[in-house]
Amino acid sequence: MKSLNRFYIFFTLLLFITLFSIITVFSRPEVCGYIDKVVDGDTVWISVEDILDSRFGNLSGESFKVRFADVNAPELSTPEGLRSRDALLKLINEYGNFACLDIDDRYIYDKYGRVVAILYLNYNETHLINVNQYLVDNGYTEYVDYQNEFGESSFQLYIAKEGMVTDGDIPDIYLLLLLALVVVIYIAKRKKIQL
């Protein structure tokens, strides 16, 4: 009986790690579109073109303000605020105005009705650049840990485009891993394997 309990504890931990890694892989852009206007160093207007996650299907074809998650730019009335906005404009001019958003799953909107998100631009053929992180790294904005799904671990400067998934896309390695877990459980129950 003790060995069966150890097996279930081991299995539960393995399942938790697997699910956590899947969630981590899937914390990628969910909506893409074109930046229509830069408001300041941490806010833009975007028009949605592609929905990568059906949870945000209501945003299809919409145009709305996006507030960059967990960063704060100086006010536009200051020289630092103008510098921050100009850095964002320069980044958009360099990489294009097609952007993808990883939207805050916890709240989606801030108290002003803006969508809260990490904004990504096309860096090259294989990667996207995290605009939020770029602005912090280069001193144009400061990192602030607001209440949302994100944290400093969400802020990787580059992410692989291959990590971008759409609804129903589960990488084969995860399907194989889940299948292996089911087989292990079946065998363990039938043979009463002790771990």
Protein backbone atom coordinates (compact mmCIF):
# COMPACT_ATOMS: atom_id res chain seq x y z
CA MET A 1 0.00 0.00 0.00
CA LYS A 2 2.88 2.33 0.87
CA SER A 3 4.53 1.75 -2.49
CA LEU A 4 1.25 2.53 -4.26
CA ASN A 5 1.04 5.83 -2.38
CA ARG A 6 4.62 6.65 -3.38
CA PHE A 7 3.73 5.87 -6.98
CA TYR A 8 0.75 8.24 -6.90
CA ILE A 9 2.85 11.00 -5.32
CA PHE A 10 5.52 10.47 -7.99
CA PHE A 11 2.92 10.41 -10.75
CA THR A 12 1.19 13.56 -9.43
CA LEU A 13 4.49 15.44 -9.37
CA LEU A 14 5.37 14.25 -12.86
CA LEU A 15 1.95 15.25 -14.18
CA PHE A 16 2.23 18.67 -12.50
CA ILE A 17 5.68 19.28 -14.05
CA THR A 18 4.38 18.19 -17.47
CA LEU A 19 1.33 20.43 -17.31
CA PHE A 20 3.41 23.35 -16.03
CA SER A 21 5.85 22.97 -18.93
CA ILE A 22 2.95 22.86 -21.41
CA ILE A 23 1.47 26.02 -19.91
CA THR A 24 4.89 27.69 -20.08
CA VAL A 25 5.25 26.78 -23.75
CA PHE A 26 1.78 28.11 -24.45
CA SER A 27 2.30 31.46 -22.72
CA ARG A 28 2.88 32.98 -26.10
CA PRO A 29 1.17 35.58 -28.26
CA GLU A 30 -2.57 35.13 -28.53
CA VAL A 31 -3.57 38.02 -30.79
CA CYS A 32 -1.71 39.76 -33.64
CA GLY A 33 -2.38 42.93 -35.59
CA TYR A 34 -1.03 46.26 -36.74
CA ILE A 35 0.04 49.14 -34.53
CA ASP A 36 -1.97 52.16 -35.66
CA LYS A 37 -0.66 54.74 -33.24
CA VAL A 38 1.93 55.15 -30.50
CA VAL A 39 0.41 57.02 -27.56
CA ASP A 40 3.51 57.11 -25.36
CA GLY A 41 6.36 54.85 -24.24
CA ASP A 42 4.08 52.14 -22.85
CA THR A 43 0.79 52.46 -24.75
CA VAL A 44 -0.21 51.88 -28.38
CA TRP A 45 -3.37 51.44 -30.47
CA ILE A 46 -3.58 48.14 -32.35
CA SER A 47 -5.99 46.77 -34.97
CA VAL A 48 -6.40 42.99 -34.68
CA GLU A 49 -5.77 40.83 -37.76
CA ASP A 50 -5.16 37.33 -36.35
CA ILE A 51 -6.59 35.50 -33.35
CA LEU A 52 -4.24 32.71 -32.21
CA ASP A 53 -6.29 31.79 -29.14
CA SER A 54 -10.09 31.44 -29.38
CA ARG A 55 -10.49 32.82 -25.84
CA PHE A 56 -9.88 36.23 -27.43
CA GLY A 57 -12.16 35.73 -30.44
CA ASN A 58 -14.23 38.72 -29.34
CA LEU A 59 -11.26 40.95 -30.26
CA SER A 60 -11.32 39.87 -33.93
CA GLY A 61 -11.30 42.93 -36.19
CA GLU A 62 -11.27 45.27 -33.18
CA SER A 63 -9.05 48.29 -32.63
CA PHE A 64 -8.10 49.12 -29.05
CA LYS A 65 -5.48 50.61 -26.74
CA VAL A 66 -2.79 48.30 -25.40
CA ARG A 67 -0.98 49.07 -22.15
CA PHE A 68 2.37 47.26 -21.90
CA ALA A 69 2.34 44.85 -18.96
CA ASP A 70 4.63 45.47 -16.00
CA VAL A 71 6.42 48.52 -17.39
CA ASN A 72 5.98 52.21 -16.73
CA ALA A 73 7.18 54.94 -19.08
CA PRO A 74 7.81 58.51 -17.92
CA GLU A 75 5.08 61.04 -18.68
CA LEU A 76 5.12 62.61 -22.15
CA SER A 77 5.39 66.05 -20.56
CA THR A 78 9.00 65.22 -19.57
CA PRO A 79 12.10 64.85 -21.76
CA GLU A 80 12.40 61.23 -20.54
CA GLY A 81 8.82 60.55 -21.66
CA LEU A 82 9.52 61.89 -25.14
CA ARG A 83 12.70 59.83 -25.28
CA SER A 84 10.74 56.71 -24.28
CA ARG A 85 8.05 57.30 -26.92
CA ASP A 86 10.69 58.02 -29.58
CA ALA A 87 12.54 54.79 -28.70
CA LEU A 88 9.31 52.85 -29.19
CA LEU A 89 8.67 54.58 -32.52
CA LYS A 90 12.22 53.78 -33.64
CA LEU A 91 11.77 50.12 -32.67
CA ILE A 92 8.52 49.93 -34.67
CA ASN A 93 10.17 51.64 -37.65
CA GLU A 94 13.01 49.12 -37.49
CA TYR A 95 10.97 45.91 -37.10
CA GLY A 96 7.62 46.89 -38.61
CA ASN A 97 4.25 47.67 -37.13
CA PHE A 98 2.89 44.11 -37.19
CA ALA A 99 2.76 43.08 -33.52
CA CYS A 100 1.60 40.15 -31.45
CA LEU A 101 0.23 40.32 -27.93
CA ASP A 102 0.47 37.98 -24.97
CA ILE A 103 -2.61 39.30 -23.16
CA ASP A 104 -2.96 39.22 -19.39
CA ASP A 105 -5.16 36.17 -18.76
CA ARG A 106 -5.98 37.26 -15.23
CA TYR A 107 -7.65 40.63 -15.91
CA ILE A 108 -7.29 41.36 -19.67
CA TYR A 109 -8.13 45.06 -19.12
CA ASP A 110 -6.71 47.66 -16.75
CA LYS A 111 -8.86 50.16 -14.86
CA TYR A 112 -8.81 52.50 -17.88
CA GLY A 113 -10.16 49.85 -20.26
CA ARG A 114 -6.84 49.22 -22.00
CA VAL A 115 -5.79 45.66 -22.88
CA VAL A 116 -2.77 44.70 -20.75
CA ALA A 117 -0.18 42.68 -22.68
CA ILE A 118 3.40 41.93 -23.56
CA LEU A 119 3.95 43.26 -27.08
CA TYR A 120 6.15 41.40 -29.56
CA LEU A 121 7.52 42.56 -32.91
CA ASN A 122 9.08 40.47 -35.68
CA TYR A 123 12.80 40.48 -34.88
CA ASN A 124 13.89 38.13 -37.66
CA GLU A 125 12.78 34.98 -39.49
CA THR A 126 12.86 32.83 -36.36
CA HIS A 127 12.29 35.13 -33.39
CA LEU A 128 10.08 37.84 -31.95
CA ILE A 129 11.41 40.64 -29.75
CA ASN A 130 9.68 41.44 -26.45
CA VAL A 131 9.13 45.21 -26.66
CA ASN A 132 8.35 45.50 -22.94
CA GLN A 133 11.70 43.94 -22.04
CA TYR A 134 13.63 45.90 -24.67
CA LEU A 135 12.34 49.20 -23.29
CA VAL A 136 13.25 48.20 -19.71
CA ASP A 137 16.70 46.86 -20.68
CA ASN A 138 17.57 50.08 -22.47
CA GLY A 139 16.33 52.43 -19.74
CA TYR A 140 13.31 53.83 -21.61
CA THR A 141 10.82 52.40 -19.11
CA GLU A 142 11.06 50.86 -15.66
CA TYR A 143 9.90 47.41 -14.60
CA VAL A 144 6.94 47.46 -12.18
CA ASP A 145 5.40 44.20 -10.94
CA TYR A 146 1.70 45.02 -11.35
CA GLN A 147 -0.95 42.48 -10.41
CA ASN A 148 -1.37 40.32 -13.49
CA GLU A 149 -0.33 36.93 -14.82
CA PHE A 150 3.15 38.17 -15.69
CA GLY A 151 6.30 38.51 -13.65
CA GLU A 152 9.97 39.02 -14.38
CA SER A 153 10.21 35.42 -15.60
CA SER A 154 7.79 36.35 -18.42
CA PHE A 155 10.25 38.89 -19.70
CA GLN A 156 12.55 37.13 -22.14
CA LEU A 157 13.95 39.50 -24.74
CA TYR A 158 13.48 37.05 -27.63
CA ILE A 159 11.06 34.17 -28.12
CA ALA A 160 11.08 31.65 -30.93
CA LYS A 161 8.30 31.92 -33.46
CA GLU A 162 8.07 28.14 -33.46
CA GLY A 163 6.80 28.46 -29.88
CA MET A 164 3.76 30.32 -31.16
CA VAL A 165 0.82 27.96 -31.22
CA THR A 166 -2.79 28.26 -32.22
CA ASP A 167 -5.78 26.53 -30.70
CA GLY A 168 -5.50 22.80 -30.94
CA ASP A 169 -1.76 22.87 -31.59
CA ILE A 170 0.08 20.67 -29.11
CA PRO A 171 3.68 19.83 -29.95
CA ASP A 172 4.18 16.09 -30.64
CA ILE A 173 6.64 15.69 -27.74
CA TYR A 174 3.91 16.61 -25.26
CA LEU A 175 1.43 14.20 -26.80
CA LEU A 176 4.03 11.44 -26.56
CA LEU A 177 4.82 12.36 -22.96
CA LEU A 178 1.15 12.29 -21.97
CA LEU A 179 0.69 8.95 -23.75
CA ALA A 180 3.72 7.55 -21.91
CA LEU A 181 2.24 8.66 -18.59
CA VAL A 182 -1.03 6.89 -19.35
CA VAL A 183 0.86 3.69 -20.26
CA VAL A 184 2.94 3.87 -17.06
CA ILE A 185 -0.22 4.25 -14.96
CA TYR A 186 -1.88 1.34 -16.71
CA ILE A 187 1.11 -0.95 -16.26
CA ALA A 188 1.63 0.13 -12.65
CA LYS A 189 -1.99 -0.60 -11.77
CA ARG A 190 -2.01 -4.00 -13.51
CA LYS A 191 1.35 -5.16 -12.22
CA LYS A 192 1.23 -3.22 -8.93
CA ILE A 193 4.74 -1.92 -9.58
CA GLN A 194 6.54 -0.49 -6.57
CA LEU A 195 8.39 2.77 -7.10
